[in-house]
Every structure is written in structure tokens, then in C-alpha cells.
Amino acid sequence: MAEMRDEHFEVISNNKAKEYEKQKKTTNIIKTLLNRYTKKQLTNMIEKESKNGKRN
């Protein structure tokens, strides 16, 4: 039973590591976009994409 617990924590730890890396990558992308565009330009792009992305 102790082995199952260790495996369980290993899976959770791996999932947290993957989520951290994903968030880190996303944060870096956002920082890059903020350096290239104004906040207003980004807001307009997001609004445009969200309208195009609606599937209703």
C-alpha cells in the first residue's frame, strides 16, 4: 500500500511539474506579446479572436 501512495504522489508531482512548465511557457509568450504590442492592440486582437472562435 505504501508503494501505491508513492506512485500516487509521483503522478501528482509530475502533473504539477507539467502544469508549471506550461504556465511558464504561457507567461513567456505573454511577456513577448506585451513587448511587441500595446495593451490596446492585444485587447483588440483577443476580442477579434474570441468572436471568431465562438461556435454557437
N, C-alpha and C. Protein backbone atom coordinates (compact mmCIF):
# COMPACT_ATOMS: atom_id res chain seq x y z
N MET A 1 0.82 -1.19 0.00
CA MET A 1 0.00 0.00 0.00
C MET A 1 0.87 1.26 0.00
N ALA A 2 2.00 1.19 0.67
CA ALA A 2 2.92 2.33 0.68
C ALA A 2 3.42 2.61 -0.72
N GLU A 3 3.63 1.57 -1.51
CA GLU A 3 4.08 1.75 -2.89
C GLU A 3 3.05 2.51 -3.70
N MET A 4 1.78 2.19 -3.51
CA MET A 4 0.72 2.88 -4.23
C MET A 4 0.73 4.37 -3.88
N ARG A 5 0.94 4.66 -2.62
CA ARG A 5 0.97 6.07 -2.21
C ARG A 5 2.14 6.79 -2.87
N ASP A 6 3.30 6.16 -2.89
CA ASP A 6 4.47 6.77 -3.53
C ASP A 6 4.20 7.02 -5.01
N GLU A 7 3.59 6.04 -5.68
CA GLU A 7 3.27 6.19 -7.10
C GLU A 7 2.28 7.33 -7.29
N HIS A 8 1.31 7.40 -6.40
CA HIS A 8 0.29 8.44 -6.48
C HIS A 8 0.94 9.82 -6.36
N PHE A 9 1.82 9.99 -5.39
CA PHE A 9 2.49 11.27 -5.21
C PHE A 9 3.43 11.59 -6.37
N GLU A 10 4.01 10.54 -6.95
CA GLU A 10 4.88 10.75 -8.11
C GLU A 10 4.07 11.29 -9.29
N VAL A 11 2.88 10.74 -9.49
CA VAL A 11 2.00 11.20 -10.57
C VAL A 11 1.58 12.64 -10.32
N ILE A 12 1.20 12.94 -9.09
CA ILE A 12 0.80 14.31 -8.75
C ILE A 12 1.96 15.27 -8.97
N SER A 13 3.14 14.87 -8.53
CA SER A 13 4.33 15.70 -8.70
C SER A 13 4.62 15.94 -10.18
N ASN A 14 4.52 14.90 -10.99
CA ASN A 14 4.75 15.04 -12.43
C ASN A 14 3.72 15.97 -13.06
N ASN A 15 2.46 15.84 -12.63
CA ASN A 15 1.41 16.70 -13.17
C ASN A 15 1.66 18.16 -12.80
N LYS A 16 2.09 18.39 -11.56
CA LYS A 16 2.38 19.76 -11.14
C LYS A 16 3.55 20.33 -11.94
N ALA A 17 4.56 19.51 -12.19
CA ALA A 17 5.72 19.95 -12.96
C ALA A 17 5.31 20.31 -14.39
N LYS A 18 4.46 19.48 -14.99
CA LYS A 18 3.98 19.75 -16.35
C LYS A 18 3.17 21.04 -16.39
N GLU A 19 2.30 21.21 -15.40
CA GLU A 19 1.47 22.41 -15.33
C GLU A 19 2.33 23.65 -15.14
N TYR A 20 3.35 23.55 -14.30
CA TYR A 20 4.27 24.67 -14.07
C TYR A 20 4.98 25.05 -15.37
N GLU A 21 5.48 24.07 -16.11
CA GLU A 21 6.17 24.34 -17.37
C GLU A 21 5.23 24.97 -18.39
N LYS A 22 4.00 24.49 -18.42
CA LYS A 22 3.00 25.03 -19.35
C LYS A 22 2.71 26.50 -19.01
N GLN A 23 2.54 26.76 -17.71
CA GLN A 23 2.26 28.13 -17.27
C GLN A 23 3.46 29.04 -17.53
N LYS A 24 4.65 28.53 -17.32
CA LYS A 24 5.88 29.30 -17.56
C LYS A 24 5.99 29.68 -19.04
N LYS A 25 5.69 28.72 -19.91
CA LYS A 25 5.74 28.97 -21.35
C LYS A 25 4.71 30.03 -21.75
N THR A 26 3.51 29.90 -21.20
CA THR A 26 2.44 30.86 -21.49
C THR A 26 2.82 32.26 -21.02
N THR A 27 3.40 32.34 -19.83
CA THR A 27 3.83 33.63 -19.29
C THR A 27 4.89 34.26 -20.18
N ASN A 28 5.81 33.47 -20.67
CA ASN A 28 6.84 34.00 -21.57
C ASN A 28 6.25 34.51 -22.87
N ILE A 29 5.26 33.81 -23.39
CA ILE A 29 4.58 34.25 -24.61
C ILE A 29 3.88 35.58 -24.37
N ILE A 30 3.21 35.70 -23.24
CA ILE A 30 2.51 36.94 -22.90
C ILE A 30 3.50 38.09 -22.77
N LYS A 31 4.62 37.85 -22.11
CA LYS A 31 5.64 38.90 -21.97
C LYS A 31 6.15 39.35 -23.34
N THR A 32 6.37 38.40 -24.23
CA THR A 32 6.83 38.73 -25.58
C THR A 32 5.79 39.58 -26.31
N LEU A 33 4.53 39.19 -26.21
CA LEU A 33 3.46 39.94 -26.86
C LEU A 33 3.36 41.35 -26.30
N LEU A 34 3.50 41.49 -24.98
CA LEU A 34 3.43 42.81 -24.36
C LEU A 34 4.59 43.70 -24.79
N ASN A 35 5.71 43.10 -25.12
CA ASN A 35 6.84 43.89 -25.62
C ASN A 35 6.65 44.32 -27.07
N ARG A 36 5.88 43.56 -27.82
CA ARG A 36 5.69 43.85 -29.25
C ARG A 36 4.49 44.73 -29.54
N TYR A 37 3.46 44.63 -28.70
CA TYR A 37 2.20 45.33 -28.96
C TYR A 37 1.78 46.14 -27.74
N THR A 38 0.92 47.11 -27.99
CA THR A 38 0.34 47.85 -26.87
C THR A 38 -0.77 47.00 -26.26
N LYS A 39 -1.15 47.35 -25.06
CA LYS A 39 -2.24 46.62 -24.40
C LYS A 39 -3.53 46.74 -25.20
N LYS A 40 -3.74 47.91 -25.78
CA LYS A 40 -4.95 48.13 -26.59
C LYS A 40 -4.95 47.23 -27.82
N GLN A 41 -3.79 47.12 -28.49
CA GLN A 41 -3.68 46.25 -29.66
C GLN A 41 -3.97 44.79 -29.26
N LEU A 42 -3.39 44.37 -28.15
CA LEU A 42 -3.61 42.99 -27.69
C LEU A 42 -5.07 42.75 -27.34
N THR A 43 -5.68 43.73 -26.68
CA THR A 43 -7.09 43.60 -26.33
C THR A 43 -7.94 43.46 -27.58
N ASN A 44 -7.66 44.27 -28.59
CA ASN A 44 -8.40 44.19 -29.85
C ASN A 44 -8.21 42.83 -30.52
N MET A 45 -6.98 42.33 -30.51
CA MET A 45 -6.71 41.01 -31.10
C MET A 45 -7.47 39.92 -30.38
N ILE A 46 -7.47 39.98 -29.05
CA ILE A 46 -8.16 38.97 -28.24
C ILE A 46 -9.66 39.02 -28.51
N GLU A 47 -10.22 40.22 -28.54
CA GLU A 47 -11.65 40.36 -28.82
C GLU A 47 -12.00 39.82 -30.19
N LYS A 48 -11.18 40.12 -31.18
CA LYS A 48 -11.42 39.65 -32.54
C LYS A 48 -11.37 38.12 -32.58
N GLU A 49 -10.35 37.55 -31.96
CA GLU A 49 -10.21 36.09 -31.96
C GLU A 49 -11.33 35.41 -31.20
N SER A 50 -11.77 36.03 -30.11
CA SER A 50 -12.85 35.40 -29.33
C SER A 50 -14.16 35.41 -30.11
N LYS A 51 -14.36 36.45 -30.93
CA LYS A 51 -15.56 36.49 -31.77
C LYS A 51 -15.47 35.43 -32.86
N ASN A 52 -14.29 35.26 -33.44
CA ASN A 52 -14.09 34.25 -34.48
C ASN A 52 -14.15 32.84 -33.92
N GLY A 53 -13.79 32.69 -32.67
CA GLY A 53 -13.72 31.37 -32.07
C GLY A 53 -15.03 30.85 -31.53
N LYS A 54 -16.05 31.71 -31.45
CA LYS A 54 -17.34 31.27 -30.92
C LYS A 54 -17.97 30.26 -31.88
N ARG A 55 -18.49 29.20 -31.29
CA ARG A 55 -19.06 28.12 -32.11
C ARG A 55 -20.57 27.99 -31.91
N ASN A 56 -21.18 28.99 -31.31
CA ASN A 56 -22.62 28.92 -31.05
C ASN A 56 -23.41 29.15 -32.30
